[in-house]
Amino acid sequence: NGSSGVNLDYGLLSSDQQDALDVAADGTVDGLGERRIDWLSGVEDTALRSRSESGDLRLVGDIINGTPQFVTNRSAGFQLLRSDFSPGLYPGYVASKASRPELLLVPSNGGMLHGFDAEDGRELFAYVPGELLEPIPGETHSPVSELTSSTYEHRYAVDGTPTVSDVLIGGAWK
């Protein structure tokens, strides 16, 4: 929502996001915004681009330039840093994140950064950047409207490699 993540639910989006999602890629107001959000969540909809036209249901967009990244809950060795980097606080931070599942982060041109449990492959979350829900500059529709169009032509969306690291911010490890 501009300052924090929200569940991908049409009713929780801003009015600007809803308005942009209710417009087709050709600029026609079609009121299909809620159905576009459902499509992003994996729901097949005959009014939108088929997710299974080639056979199997395809829930993850194509991965072209982004490299999947492994996110561990283990130590990255920062306890060995100089004292001005608060290495003494690092072991406590590592202990606090030990119960987190290890992840495989996968960027996709389906407009999402997917987080899969590294142990069993279950998708734990998918993050859609707010910019993909906002109107394209100079247009009234969102990039998601293009993604769900039956005349879709490939566009790069979430195509970069994520960076993963423990960081020291304001004297606290995160």
Protein backbone atom coordinates (compact mmCIF):
# COMPACT_ATOMS: atom_id res chain seq x y z
CA ASN A 1 0.00 0.00 0.00
CA GLY A 2 3.02 2.30 -0.32
CA SER A 3 4.34 1.83 3.20
CA SER A 4 3.71 -1.82 4.03
CA GLY A 5 2.57 -5.03 2.40
CA VAL A 6 -1.07 -6.06 2.40
CA ASN A 7 -2.77 -9.28 1.40
CA LEU A 8 -3.47 -9.43 -2.32
CA ASP A 9 -7.19 -8.82 -2.00
CA TYR A 10 -8.99 -6.44 -4.33
CA GLY A 11 -10.88 -4.89 -1.39
CA LEU A 12 -7.61 -4.03 0.39
CA LEU A 13 -6.10 -2.17 -2.57
CA SER A 14 -6.17 1.60 -2.97
CA SER A 15 -8.84 3.15 -5.19
CA ASP A 16 -6.12 4.06 -7.74
CA GLN A 17 -5.00 0.42 -7.87
CA GLN A 18 -8.57 -0.84 -8.16
CA ASP A 19 -9.32 1.67 -10.93
CA ALA A 20 -6.18 0.64 -12.88
CA LEU A 21 -7.03 -3.05 -12.51
CA ASP A 22 -10.59 -2.42 -13.75
CA VAL A 23 -9.21 -1.22 -17.11
CA ALA A 24 -8.21 -3.63 -19.89
CA ALA A 25 -4.86 -3.31 -21.65
CA ASP A 26 -6.59 -1.55 -24.56
CA GLY A 27 -7.91 1.18 -22.21
CA THR A 28 -11.48 -0.15 -22.01
CA VAL A 29 -13.05 -0.01 -18.55
CA ASP A 30 -14.19 -3.62 -18.07
CA GLY A 31 -14.58 -3.91 -14.28
CA LEU A 32 -12.51 -7.13 -14.16
CA GLY A 33 -10.08 -5.92 -11.48
CA GLU A 34 -11.16 -8.41 -8.83
CA ARG A 35 -10.97 -11.23 -11.38
CA ARG A 36 -7.46 -10.07 -12.38
CA ILE A 37 -6.38 -10.37 -8.74
CA ASP A 38 -7.91 -13.87 -8.61
CA TRP A 39 -6.03 -14.73 -11.84
CA LEU A 40 -2.76 -13.63 -10.21
CA SER A 41 -3.64 -16.01 -7.37
CA GLY A 42 -3.92 -18.92 -9.83
CA VAL A 43 -7.60 -18.91 -10.75
CA GLU A 44 -8.32 -19.77 -14.38
CA ASP A 45 -10.84 -17.28 -15.87
CA THR A 46 -12.25 -17.48 -19.38
CA ALA A 47 -12.43 -13.67 -19.59
CA LEU A 48 -8.65 -13.44 -19.10
CA ARG A 49 -5.54 -15.02 -20.62
CA SER A 50 -5.52 -18.77 -20.27
CA ARG A 51 -3.09 -20.23 -17.76
CA SER A 52 -3.56 -23.75 -19.15
CA GLU A 53 -3.86 -23.31 -22.91
CA SER A 54 -0.66 -25.30 -23.47
CA GLY A 55 -1.84 -28.16 -21.24
CA ASP A 56 -0.83 -27.94 -17.57
CA LEU A 57 -1.93 -25.05 -15.37
CA ARG A 58 0.99 -22.58 -15.21
CA LEU A 59 1.07 -20.70 -11.92
CA VAL A 60 4.57 -19.18 -12.03
CA GLY A 61 5.58 -16.75 -14.76
CA ASP A 62 8.66 -17.29 -16.88
CA ILE A 63 12.05 -16.86 -15.26
CA ILE A 64 14.51 -15.20 -17.64
CA ASN A 65 17.12 -12.94 -16.07
CA GLY A 66 16.49 -13.42 -12.36
CA THR A 67 18.42 -16.08 -10.49
CA PRO A 68 16.63 -17.90 -7.66
CA GLN A 69 18.21 -17.20 -4.27
CA PHE A 70 18.48 -19.44 -1.22
CA VAL A 71 17.63 -17.76 2.09
CA THR A 72 19.13 -19.55 5.06
CA ASN A 73 18.30 -19.22 8.73
CA ARG A 74 21.93 -20.00 9.59
CA SER A 75 24.80 -17.70 10.51
CA ALA A 76 26.51 -15.74 7.76
CA GLY A 77 29.59 -15.31 9.98
CA PHE A 78 29.06 -11.67 10.88
CA GLN A 79 30.09 -12.39 14.48
CA LEU A 80 33.67 -12.17 13.12
CA LEU A 81 33.36 -8.48 12.17
CA ARG A 82 35.08 -5.61 13.96
CA SER A 83 33.43 -4.56 17.22
CA ASP A 84 31.96 -1.36 15.71
CA PHE A 85 29.68 -3.64 13.63
CA SER A 86 28.09 -5.07 16.81
CA PRO A 87 29.18 -8.66 16.17
CA GLY A 88 28.28 -9.51 19.78
CA LEU A 89 24.60 -9.00 18.92
CA TYR A 90 24.75 -11.24 15.88
CA PRO A 91 24.59 -14.68 17.61
CA GLY A 92 21.37 -13.64 19.35
CA TYR A 93 19.90 -12.57 16.03
CA VAL A 94 20.89 -15.88 14.43
CA ALA A 95 19.23 -17.76 17.30
CA SER A 96 16.05 -15.70 16.85
CA LYS A 97 15.75 -16.64 13.17
CA ALA A 98 16.56 -20.35 13.64
CA SER A 99 12.89 -21.34 13.58
CA ARG A 100 12.22 -19.60 10.26
CA PRO A 101 11.87 -21.93 7.27
CA GLU A 102 14.69 -21.71 4.76
CA LEU A 103 13.43 -20.27 1.49
CA LEU A 104 14.05 -20.34 -2.19
CA LEU A 105 13.16 -16.89 -3.58
CA VAL A 106 12.23 -17.00 -7.25
CA PRO A 107 11.57 -13.84 -9.31
CA SER A 108 9.18 -14.32 -12.22
CA ASN A 109 7.84 -12.32 -15.10
CA GLY A 110 4.38 -13.29 -13.88
CA GLY A 111 4.75 -10.17 -11.72
CA MET A 112 5.73 -11.87 -8.46
CA LEU A 113 8.63 -12.72 -6.25
CA HIS A 114 7.78 -16.22 -4.98
CA GLY A 115 8.98 -17.62 -1.66
CA PHE A 116 9.09 -21.42 -1.55
CA ASP A 117 9.86 -23.56 1.49
CA ALA A 118 13.32 -24.94 0.65
CA GLU A 119 12.54 -28.23 2.37
CA ASP A 120 9.23 -29.26 0.83
CA GLY A 121 8.69 -26.83 -2.08
CA ARG A 122 5.42 -25.33 -0.80
CA GLU A 123 4.86 -21.73 -1.81
CA LEU A 124 4.81 -19.69 1.40
CA PHE A 125 4.18 -16.31 -0.19
CA ALA A 126 4.26 -14.35 -3.40
CA TYR A 127 5.04 -10.64 -3.38
CA VAL A 128 3.60 -8.36 -6.07
CA PRO A 129 5.29 -4.93 -6.19
CA GLY A 130 2.72 -2.15 -5.84
CA GLU A 131 3.93 -0.57 -9.10
CA LEU A 132 2.42 -3.50 -11.02
CA LEU A 133 -1.00 -2.63 -9.61
CA GLU A 134 -0.78 1.11 -10.31
CA PRO A 135 -1.60 2.74 -13.67
CA ILE A 136 1.23 2.62 -16.20
CA PRO A 137 2.54 6.21 -16.60
CA GLY A 138 0.47 7.94 -19.28
CA GLU A 139 -2.11 5.11 -19.30
CA THR A 140 -5.16 4.18 -17.22
CA HIS A 141 -4.50 0.44 -16.91
CA SER A 142 -2.03 -1.49 -14.78
CA PRO A 143 0.74 -3.82 -15.96
CA VAL A 144 -1.36 -6.66 -14.52
CA SER A 145 -4.06 -5.80 -17.06
CA GLU A 146 -1.51 -6.44 -19.80
CA LEU A 147 -0.37 -9.66 -18.13
CA THR A 148 -3.94 -11.03 -18.08
CA SER A 149 -4.80 -9.92 -21.64
CA SER A 150 -5.56 -12.67 -24.17
CA THR A 151 -3.29 -10.76 -26.58
CA TYR A 152 -0.43 -10.65 -24.06
CA GLU A 153 3.05 -10.19 -25.44
CA HIS A 154 5.92 -10.89 -23.08
CA ARG A 155 7.06 -8.02 -20.87
CA TYR A 156 9.67 -8.09 -18.17
CA ALA A 157 8.10 -7.58 -14.74
CA VAL A 158 9.88 -9.04 -11.69
CA ASP A 159 12.98 -10.06 -13.61
CA GLY A 160 15.96 -9.16 -11.42
CA THR A 161 17.89 -11.31 -8.99
CA PRO A 162 16.95 -10.60 -5.37
CA THR A 163 19.73 -9.79 -2.91
CA VAL A 164 19.65 -11.64 0.38
CA SER A 165 21.75 -10.78 3.42
CA ASP A 166 21.63 -10.17 7.14
CA VAL A 167 22.05 -6.44 7.77
CA LEU A 168 22.82 -4.20 10.72
CA ILE A 169 20.36 -1.28 10.79
CA GLY A 170 20.29 1.23 13.62
CA GLY A 171 22.33 -1.05 15.85
CA ALA A 172 20.03 -4.06 15.35
CA TRP A 173 20.53 -7.09 13.11
CA LYS A 174 17.72 -7.81 10.66
